[in-house]
């Protein structure tokens, strides 16, 4: 409710359903709200994509290098910086996400992660995968729903309330350009299988 109040009735709410046997409640995705009305649903995968921007909880990524080896990366620390820019009356955003995490599993062809060049290559793969998820979340928010449940408008309001008050944010949000910069780093390596 707090997020929706900050975003003019736009936001997400947990979707809770019964399991197949109808015995227990299961959290599955989220409802998307626009002007305090439900307008659609996000799947668990789409919520994970959106959480890179909105949530500070740890996230897990499964990535592979050319299909040979699959890595499970647990992002245990991340910093999200949403920077609105107002230039000559035009609004844009730079979204910077820095992630630090652990490789907790490696499946497939063994790669020597004691070599710095292999770690750098894997960090590049993880960075690209996370960046793609973030861009998919933005696309879903801007182009599919046209709803700022990711909180960009709230960041603009916090940093430049005079400009925000003059805007019809809900109408312009789908066209606002957002530049995405992601950097994923590996902190430690767990046991590999």
Protein backbone atom coordinates (compact mmCIF):
# COMPACT_ATOMS: atom_id res chain seq x y z
CA UNK A 1 0.00 0.00 0.00
CA UNK A 2 2.87 2.38 0.81
CA UNK A 3 4.39 1.85 -2.65
CA UNK A 4 1.03 2.45 -4.30
CA UNK A 5 0.47 5.64 -2.34
CA UNK A 6 3.91 6.87 -3.41
CA UNK A 7 3.09 6.03 -7.05
CA UNK A 8 -0.41 7.51 -7.42
CA UNK A 9 -2.23 4.18 -7.09
CA UNK A 10 0.17 2.34 -9.38
CA UNK A 11 2.03 -0.65 -8.04
CA UNK A 12 2.16 -4.36 -7.39
CA UNK A 13 0.44 -6.59 -4.88
CA UNK A 14 1.28 -10.21 -4.13
CA UNK A 15 -0.83 -12.80 -5.87
CA UNK A 16 -1.77 -15.66 -3.56
CA UNK A 17 -3.41 -18.82 -4.90
CA UNK A 18 -4.16 -22.31 -3.62
CA UNK A 19 -1.92 -25.16 -4.69
CA UNK A 20 -3.22 -27.83 -7.10
CA UNK A 21 -4.69 -29.82 -4.24
CA UNK A 22 -6.40 -26.71 -2.83
CA UNK A 23 -4.79 -27.25 0.55
CA UNK A 24 -2.26 -24.48 1.03
CA UNK A 25 -1.77 -20.91 -0.06
CA UNK A 26 1.08 -20.21 -2.48
CA UNK A 27 2.55 -16.86 -3.45
CA UNK A 28 2.62 -16.79 -7.24
CA UNK A 29 3.48 -13.59 -9.10
CA UNK A 30 1.84 -10.24 -8.56
CA UNK A 31 -1.14 -8.18 -9.58
CA UNK A 32 -0.42 -4.94 -11.44
CA UNK A 33 -2.47 -1.94 -10.33
CA UNK A 34 -3.11 1.24 -12.31
CA UNK A 35 -5.05 4.05 -10.62
CA UNK A 36 -5.95 1.66 -7.77
CA UNK A 37 -7.45 -0.94 -10.16
CA UNK A 38 -5.98 -4.33 -11.07
CA UNK A 39 -5.04 -4.36 -14.76
CA UNK A 40 -3.05 -7.59 -15.10
CA UNK A 41 -0.62 -10.12 -13.68
CA UNK A 42 3.12 -10.68 -13.54
CA UNK A 43 4.54 -14.20 -13.37
CA UNK A 44 7.19 -15.24 -10.84
CA UNK A 45 9.86 -14.77 -13.54
CA UNK A 46 8.60 -11.26 -14.34
CA UNK A 47 8.64 -10.41 -10.64
CA UNK A 48 12.27 -11.50 -10.42
CA UNK A 49 13.05 -9.20 -13.36
CA UNK A 50 11.25 -6.28 -11.68
CA UNK A 51 12.93 -7.00 -8.33
CA UNK A 52 16.30 -6.01 -9.78
CA UNK A 53 14.91 -2.46 -9.83
CA UNK A 54 12.42 -2.36 -6.95
CA UNK A 55 13.52 -4.76 -4.30
CA UNK A 56 16.61 -5.07 -2.16
CA UNK A 57 16.15 -8.76 -1.44
CA UNK A 58 18.75 -11.24 -2.69
CA UNK A 59 18.12 -12.63 -6.13
CA UNK A 60 19.41 -15.75 -7.88
CA UNK A 61 20.41 -15.90 -11.55
CA UNK A 62 21.07 -18.97 -13.64
CA UNK A 63 23.34 -18.17 -16.59
CA UNK A 64 25.34 -20.20 -19.04
CA UNK A 65 28.41 -19.62 -21.19
CA UNK A 66 27.57 -20.75 -24.73
CA UNK A 67 25.43 -23.55 -23.32
CA UNK A 68 28.42 -25.54 -22.05
CA UNK A 69 28.33 -24.69 -18.37
CA UNK A 70 25.47 -23.43 -16.23
CA UNK A 71 26.17 -21.25 -13.21
CA UNK A 72 23.90 -20.36 -10.33
CA UNK A 73 24.74 -16.88 -9.04
CA UNK A 74 23.28 -15.65 -5.75
CA UNK A 75 23.27 -11.85 -5.65
CA UNK A 76 23.55 -11.14 -1.94
CA UNK A 77 24.28 -7.41 -2.20
CA UNK A 78 23.05 -4.90 -4.71
CA UNK A 79 22.85 -1.16 -5.03
CA UNK A 80 20.18 0.36 -7.26
CA UNK A 81 20.52 4.00 -8.30
CA UNK A 82 17.70 5.58 -10.29
CA UNK A 83 18.82 8.96 -11.57
CA UNK A 84 16.24 11.15 -13.29
CA UNK A 85 17.67 13.70 -15.72
CA UNK A 86 15.83 16.82 -16.88
CA UNK A 87 17.47 18.49 -19.88
CA UNK A 88 15.70 21.23 -21.86
CA UNK A 89 12.33 20.01 -20.66
CA UNK A 90 13.00 16.38 -21.64
CA UNK A 91 13.07 13.68 -19.00
CA UNK A 92 15.17 10.54 -19.06
CA UNK A 93 16.57 8.14 -16.50
CA UNK A 94 19.82 6.34 -15.88
CA UNK A 95 19.32 3.14 -13.96
CA UNK A 96 22.55 1.83 -12.46
CA UNK A 97 22.64 -1.54 -10.70
CA UNK A 98 25.78 -2.87 -9.01
CA UNK A 99 25.60 -6.46 -7.83
CA UNK A 100 27.96 -8.53 -5.68
CA UNK A 101 27.27 -12.21 -5.31
CA UNK A 102 28.49 -15.76 -5.05
CA UNK A 103 28.67 -18.62 -7.51
CA UNK A 104 26.87 -21.31 -5.56
CA UNK A 105 26.71 -23.99 -8.23
CA UNK A 106 28.41 -24.93 -11.50
CA UNK A 107 27.04 -27.67 -13.76
CA UNK A 108 28.52 -28.96 -16.97
CA UNK A 109 32.00 -28.54 -18.33
CA UNK A 110 34.38 -27.55 -15.54
CA UNK A 111 35.92 -24.13 -15.90
CA UNK A 112 38.86 -23.07 -13.75
CA UNK A 113 37.51 -20.10 -11.81
CA UNK A 114 40.85 -19.54 -10.10
CA UNK A 115 41.94 -17.81 -13.33
CA UNK A 116 41.09 -14.12 -13.42
CA UNK A 117 40.22 -14.15 -17.14
CA UNK A 118 37.61 -16.89 -16.55
CA UNK A 119 36.09 -14.94 -13.66
CA UNK A 120 35.99 -11.76 -15.78
CA UNK A 121 34.30 -13.69 -18.61
CA UNK A 122 31.71 -15.10 -16.23
CA UNK A 123 31.07 -11.66 -14.69
CA UNK A 124 30.43 -10.34 -18.21
CA UNK A 125 27.91 -13.13 -18.87
CA UNK A 126 26.14 -12.45 -15.57
CA UNK A 127 26.11 -8.70 -16.23
CA UNK A 128 24.52 -9.24 -19.64
CA UNK A 129 21.92 -11.64 -18.24
CA UNK A 130 20.91 -9.27 -15.44
CA UNK A 131 20.84 -6.31 -17.84
CA UNK A 132 18.52 -8.27 -20.14
CA UNK A 133 16.19 -9.05 -17.22
CA UNK A 134 16.10 -5.38 -16.21
CA UNK A 135 15.30 -4.30 -19.77
CA UNK A 136 12.51 -6.90 -19.95
CA UNK A 137 11.05 -5.53 -16.70
CA UNK A 138 11.13 -1.98 -18.08
CA UNK A 139 9.55 -3.11 -21.35
CA UNK A 140 6.74 -4.90 -19.52
CA UNK A 141 6.11 -1.87 -17.31
CA UNK A 142 6.32 0.79 -20.02
CA UNK A 143 5.10 -0.89 -23.19
CA UNK A 144 2.78 -3.69 -22.08
CA UNK A 145 1.04 -2.18 -19.05
CA UNK A 146 1.99 1.50 -19.34
CA UNK A 147 2.17 1.55 -15.53
CA UNK A 148 5.08 2.84 -13.44
CA UNK A 149 5.01 0.15 -10.77
CA UNK A 150 8.83 0.23 -10.77
CA UNK A 151 8.89 3.62 -9.00
CA UNK A 152 10.75 5.81 -11.50
CA UNK A 153 8.24 8.63 -11.09
CA UNK A 154 8.65 8.52 -7.32
CA UNK A 155 12.42 8.98 -7.77
CA UNK A 156 11.80 11.95 -10.07
CA UNK A 157 9.43 13.42 -7.49
CA UNK A 158 11.98 12.99 -4.68
CA UNK A 159 14.76 14.66 -6.66
CA UNK A 160 12.80 17.29 -8.57
CA UNK A 161 9.26 17.75 -7.18
CA UNK A 162 8.65 21.02 -9.05
CA UNK A 163 9.15 19.34 -12.43
CA UNK A 164 7.16 16.26 -11.45
CA UNK A 165 4.13 18.30 -10.35
CA UNK A 166 3.94 19.88 -13.82
CA UNK A 167 3.80 16.51 -15.61
CA UNK A 168 1.08 14.10 -16.53
CA UNK A 169 3.43 11.31 -15.45
CA UNK A 170 1.05 8.43 -16.17
CA UNK A 171 0.62 9.61 -19.77
CA UNK A 172 4.30 10.23 -20.48
CA UNK A 173 5.84 7.29 -18.60
CA UNK A 174 5.66 4.78 -21.49
CA UNK A 175 7.81 7.04 -23.72
CA UNK A 176 10.46 8.04 -21.16
CA UNK A 177 13.91 6.73 -22.16
CA UNK A 178 15.76 4.69 -19.53
CA UNK A 179 19.44 3.88 -19.90
CA UNK A 180 20.43 0.68 -18.06
CA UNK A 181 23.94 0.11 -16.67
CA UNK A 182 24.62 -3.14 -14.79
CA UNK A 183 27.80 -4.41 -13.21
CA UNK A 184 27.84 -7.88 -11.65
CA UNK A 185 30.83 -9.01 -9.62
CA UNK A 186 31.65 -12.37 -8.11
CA UNK A 187 32.63 -12.29 -4.45
CA UNK A 188 33.11 -15.96 -3.55
CA UNK A 189 32.67 -19.43 -4.99
CA UNK A 190 30.70 -22.19 -3.30
CA UNK A 191 30.87 -25.93 -3.74
CA UNK A 192 30.51 -26.97 -7.36
CA UNK A 193 28.68 -30.06 -8.64
